[in-house]
Each structure stands twice: as structure tokens, then as C-alpha cells.
Amino acid sequence: MKSKPASGTPTRSLGQKPAAQGGLKSSDSNYLKELPTRGLKIEMKSRVAEIIDHADLPSIDIEVRFDFDSAKIRDQSLPDLDALGRALSSPELSGARLLVNGHTDARGGEGYNMELSERRAESVREYLVSHYGISGKRLVAIGFGEERLKDRHDPEAAANRRVEIVNAGDM
């Protein structure tokens, strides 16, 4: 059974080792370790997406609410982010490199959604750094826009507007 913070966001699965999950190749592991913490190019995002899909890395989705057309995190999302921050500060995850993947629904233009998802992923990254002292080197902010819909049958569904945290292995 997955443990859940008070708000209900599961975090135990983040502690599982990526190699045990799906066989993270050494070259993929090295690639994830060397990623810049922000501003990834399109081809870098594509490679990260392939690695996530093929290696079945431990991850959780968090519904983080933002002000409309903004990267400002709403207060109602702070309990989930605080639970995440505590989990990422735990000894079990203290050496992990984590991908903070921002996603949008399909409303709006593709380019705009990509930019918005990047700003939102960066907001979550900065929150974790500033409130929990997590090293910024551990957190890679990536915006995927509408490229990786969770609910492909309903592209505008709220489930698609999320932040995904992926354990990319030890630093």
C-alpha cells in the first residue's frame, strides 16, 4: 500500500529505485544525471519522454492549481506541495535527481501551452527549493505542454493539467 500525505498524494512510490522499476540503462541514467535543471531543448525533452516511457520510472502526479493564465501557485495546492517537500527531504530520497514535469490540457495553442507548462514546472521547482532547502541541482523543471496527455479521450480534462514528479535515480 502506498503511503499518503495528509492531502492524499502518494509519495512512497518515488522512493523505489528506477533500475528496479524497468531497467534504466546506464546510458539513460547518465543522460538524466547530466540534464540542465531548466531550459531543456525540444530534443532533450523528447529523449526524457522516451526514457520515462521505456524505463517505467517511479513517479506521482500532483494536481497543482495555478491562477488563470499564470504560474502562480494557488494556496489550495500548498498542502500537497508541502507533503511532497517533506518526502523529498527524507533520507530515502535525499540523493535522488527528480524531474518536475509540467503538463497542460489541450486548450490554447501548442506553443503557448509548452511555455506555460515550463513556467509552472519552474514554479513548483522554486517552491521546493525555497521552502524545503532542496538543492536546485536535484530538480529538473521540464514543460511538456499538451504533448503527454493523461486522458487522451478528453484532451481538455482537468486530469491533464498536472505536475508529474519522476525519480530519475541517484545524483
Protein backbone atom coordinates (compact mmCIF):
# COMPACT_ATOMS: atom_id res chain seq x y z
CA MET A 1 0.00 0.00 0.00
CA LYS A 2 1.31 3.46 -0.90
CA SER A 3 1.76 5.94 1.90
CA LYS A 4 -0.17 9.17 1.54
CA PRO A 5 0.47 12.60 2.99
CA ALA A 6 -2.42 14.27 4.75
CA SER A 7 -3.75 15.66 1.49
CA GLY A 8 -3.86 12.26 -0.16
CA THR A 9 -0.90 12.50 -2.58
CA PRO A 10 1.01 9.20 -2.68
CA THR A 11 4.79 9.58 -2.32
CA ARG A 12 6.13 6.17 -1.31
CA SER A 13 6.46 5.08 -4.94
CA LEU A 14 9.01 7.84 -5.55
CA GLY A 15 11.40 6.03 -3.24
CA GLN A 16 11.60 2.94 -5.42
CA LYS A 17 14.82 2.61 -7.34
CA PRO A 18 14.41 3.31 -11.07
CA ALA A 19 16.56 0.35 -12.12
CA ALA A 20 14.30 -1.99 -10.20
CA GLN A 21 11.26 -0.47 -11.89
CA GLY A 22 12.03 -1.04 -15.51
CA GLY A 23 15.71 -1.50 -16.14
CA LEU A 24 17.09 2.01 -16.56
CA LYS A 25 20.05 1.67 -18.92
CA SER A 26 23.38 3.08 -17.81
CA SER A 27 23.45 5.50 -20.77
CA ASP A 28 19.94 6.74 -19.87
CA SER A 29 20.88 7.10 -16.22
CA ASN A 30 23.93 9.16 -17.17
CA TYR A 31 21.84 11.30 -19.52
CA LEU A 32 19.35 12.10 -16.74
CA LYS A 33 22.18 12.96 -14.33
CA GLU A 34 23.65 15.44 -16.80
CA LEU A 35 20.43 17.30 -17.70
CA PRO A 36 20.40 21.03 -17.06
CA THR A 37 17.89 21.99 -14.35
CA ARG A 38 15.83 24.17 -16.72
CA GLY A 39 15.52 25.32 -20.31
CA LEU A 40 15.69 21.93 -22.00
CA LYS A 41 15.69 21.90 -25.78
CA ILE A 42 12.98 20.01 -27.69
CA GLU A 43 15.23 17.07 -28.49
CA MET A 44 16.23 16.77 -24.83
CA LYS A 45 12.56 16.69 -23.78
CA SER A 46 11.87 14.01 -26.37
CA ARG A 47 14.69 11.84 -25.03
CA VAL A 48 13.48 12.32 -21.45
CA ALA A 49 9.96 11.29 -22.50
CA GLU A 50 11.34 8.14 -24.17
CA ILE A 51 13.32 7.24 -21.06
CA ILE A 52 10.30 7.78 -18.80
CA ASP A 53 8.12 5.61 -21.04
CA HIS A 54 10.60 2.76 -21.55
CA ALA A 55 12.18 2.58 -18.10
CA ASP A 56 8.91 2.87 -16.16
CA LEU A 57 10.48 5.28 -13.67
CA PRO A 58 8.78 5.79 -10.29
CA SER A 59 6.50 8.81 -10.48
CA ILE A 60 3.49 10.55 -9.00
CA ASP A 61 1.07 13.10 -10.43
CA ILE A 62 0.16 16.07 -8.29
CA GLU A 63 -2.74 18.33 -9.08
CA VAL A 64 -1.24 21.77 -8.58
CA ARG A 65 -3.66 24.62 -9.12
CA PHE A 66 -2.45 27.89 -10.58
CA ASP A 67 -4.04 31.25 -11.12
CA PHE A 68 -5.58 31.51 -14.59
CA ASP A 69 -3.03 32.09 -17.33
CA SER A 70 -0.32 32.22 -14.67
CA ALA A 71 2.41 30.22 -12.98
CA LYS A 72 1.41 31.50 -9.53
CA ILE A 73 0.63 28.50 -7.32
CA ARG A 74 -2.73 28.76 -5.57
CA ASP A 75 -2.83 28.40 -1.79
CA GLN A 76 -5.08 25.33 -2.04
CA SER A 77 -2.17 23.41 -3.62
CA LEU A 78 0.30 24.15 -0.83
CA PRO A 79 -0.61 21.15 1.37
CA ASP A 80 0.21 18.77 -1.50
CA LEU A 81 3.46 20.60 -2.26
CA ASP A 82 4.37 20.63 1.43
CA ALA A 83 3.81 16.87 1.64
CA LEU A 84 5.98 16.46 -1.45
CA GLY A 85 8.67 18.71 0.01
CA ARG A 86 8.77 16.68 3.22
CA ALA A 87 9.01 13.44 1.24
CA LEU A 88 11.81 14.76 -0.98
CA SER A 89 13.68 15.91 2.14
CA SER A 90 13.54 12.43 3.67
CA PRO A 91 16.74 10.35 3.90
CA GLU A 92 15.24 7.84 1.46
CA LEU A 93 15.05 10.44 -1.33
CA SER A 94 17.81 12.85 -0.27
CA GLY A 95 20.17 11.78 -3.08
CA ALA A 96 17.58 11.45 -5.86
CA ARG A 97 17.51 13.52 -9.03
CA LEU A 98 13.90 14.42 -9.74
CA LEU A 99 12.14 15.55 -12.87
CA VAL A 100 9.43 18.15 -12.26
CA ASN A 101 7.29 17.75 -15.38
CA GLY A 102 4.62 20.33 -16.10
CA HIS A 103 1.63 19.35 -18.26
CA THR A 104 -1.37 21.23 -19.64
CA ASP A 105 -4.64 20.27 -21.23
CA ALA A 106 -5.16 20.85 -24.96
CA ARG A 107 -6.91 24.23 -24.64
CA GLY A 108 -4.89 27.03 -26.11
CA GLY A 109 -2.13 26.94 -28.68
CA GLU A 110 0.59 24.31 -28.60
CA GLY A 111 3.43 26.83 -28.24
CA TYR A 112 1.65 28.73 -25.51
CA ASN A 113 0.89 25.53 -23.59
CA MET A 114 4.54 24.50 -23.80
CA GLU A 115 5.69 27.82 -22.37
CA LEU A 116 3.02 27.81 -19.66
CA SER A 117 3.88 24.26 -18.58
CA GLU A 118 7.56 25.22 -18.31
CA ARG A 119 6.77 28.24 -16.14
CA ARG A 120 4.53 26.13 -13.91
CA ALA A 121 7.14 23.36 -13.54
CA GLU A 122 9.67 26.05 -12.63
CA SER A 123 7.28 27.49 -10.02
CA VAL A 124 6.98 24.09 -8.34
CA ARG A 125 10.76 23.64 -8.51
CA GLU A 126 11.38 27.04 -6.95
CA TYR A 127 8.80 26.38 -4.22
CA LEU A 128 10.56 23.15 -3.22
CA VAL A 129 13.97 24.86 -3.26
CA SER A 130 12.88 27.91 -1.27
CA HIS A 131 10.59 26.23 1.28
CA TYR A 132 12.39 22.91 1.82
CA GLY A 133 16.02 23.71 1.03
CA ILE A 134 16.14 21.03 -1.64
CA SER A 135 19.16 21.60 -3.85
CA GLY A 136 18.16 23.08 -7.19
CA LYS A 137 20.68 20.70 -8.78
CA ARG A 138 18.38 17.81 -7.82
CA LEU A 139 15.28 19.22 -9.54
CA VAL A 140 14.92 19.43 -13.32
CA ALA A 141 11.96 21.58 -14.44
CA ILE A 142 10.51 20.39 -17.76
CA GLY A 143 7.44 21.67 -19.58
CA PHE A 144 5.69 19.17 -21.84
CA GLY A 145 2.66 21.31 -22.63
CA GLU A 146 -0.10 19.17 -24.10
CA GLU A 147 2.28 16.53 -25.54
CA ARG A 148 1.72 13.90 -22.84
CA LEU A 149 -1.97 13.95 -22.04
CA LYS A 150 -3.06 11.71 -19.19
CA ASP A 151 -6.61 11.49 -20.54
CA ARG A 152 -6.27 11.29 -24.34
CA HIS A 153 -10.01 10.64 -24.73
CA ASP A 154 -10.76 14.06 -23.23
CA PRO A 155 -7.87 16.40 -24.14
CA GLU A 156 -9.38 19.28 -22.16
CA ALA A 157 -9.92 17.24 -18.97
CA ALA A 158 -8.63 18.61 -15.69
CA ALA A 159 -6.59 15.39 -15.21
CA ASN A 160 -4.28 16.61 -17.96
CA ARG A 161 -3.38 19.77 -16.01
CA ARG A 162 -0.84 18.37 -13.60
CA VAL A 163 2.71 18.29 -12.37
CA GLU A 164 4.41 14.91 -12.51
CA ILE A 165 7.37 14.14 -10.26
CA VAL A 166 9.69 11.41 -11.58
CA ASN A 167 12.56 9.82 -9.67
CA ALA A 168 15.43 9.79 -12.17
CA GLY A 169 17.80 7.92 -9.83
CA ASP A 170 20.65 8.97 -7.60
CA MET A 171 22.68 12.06 -8.39
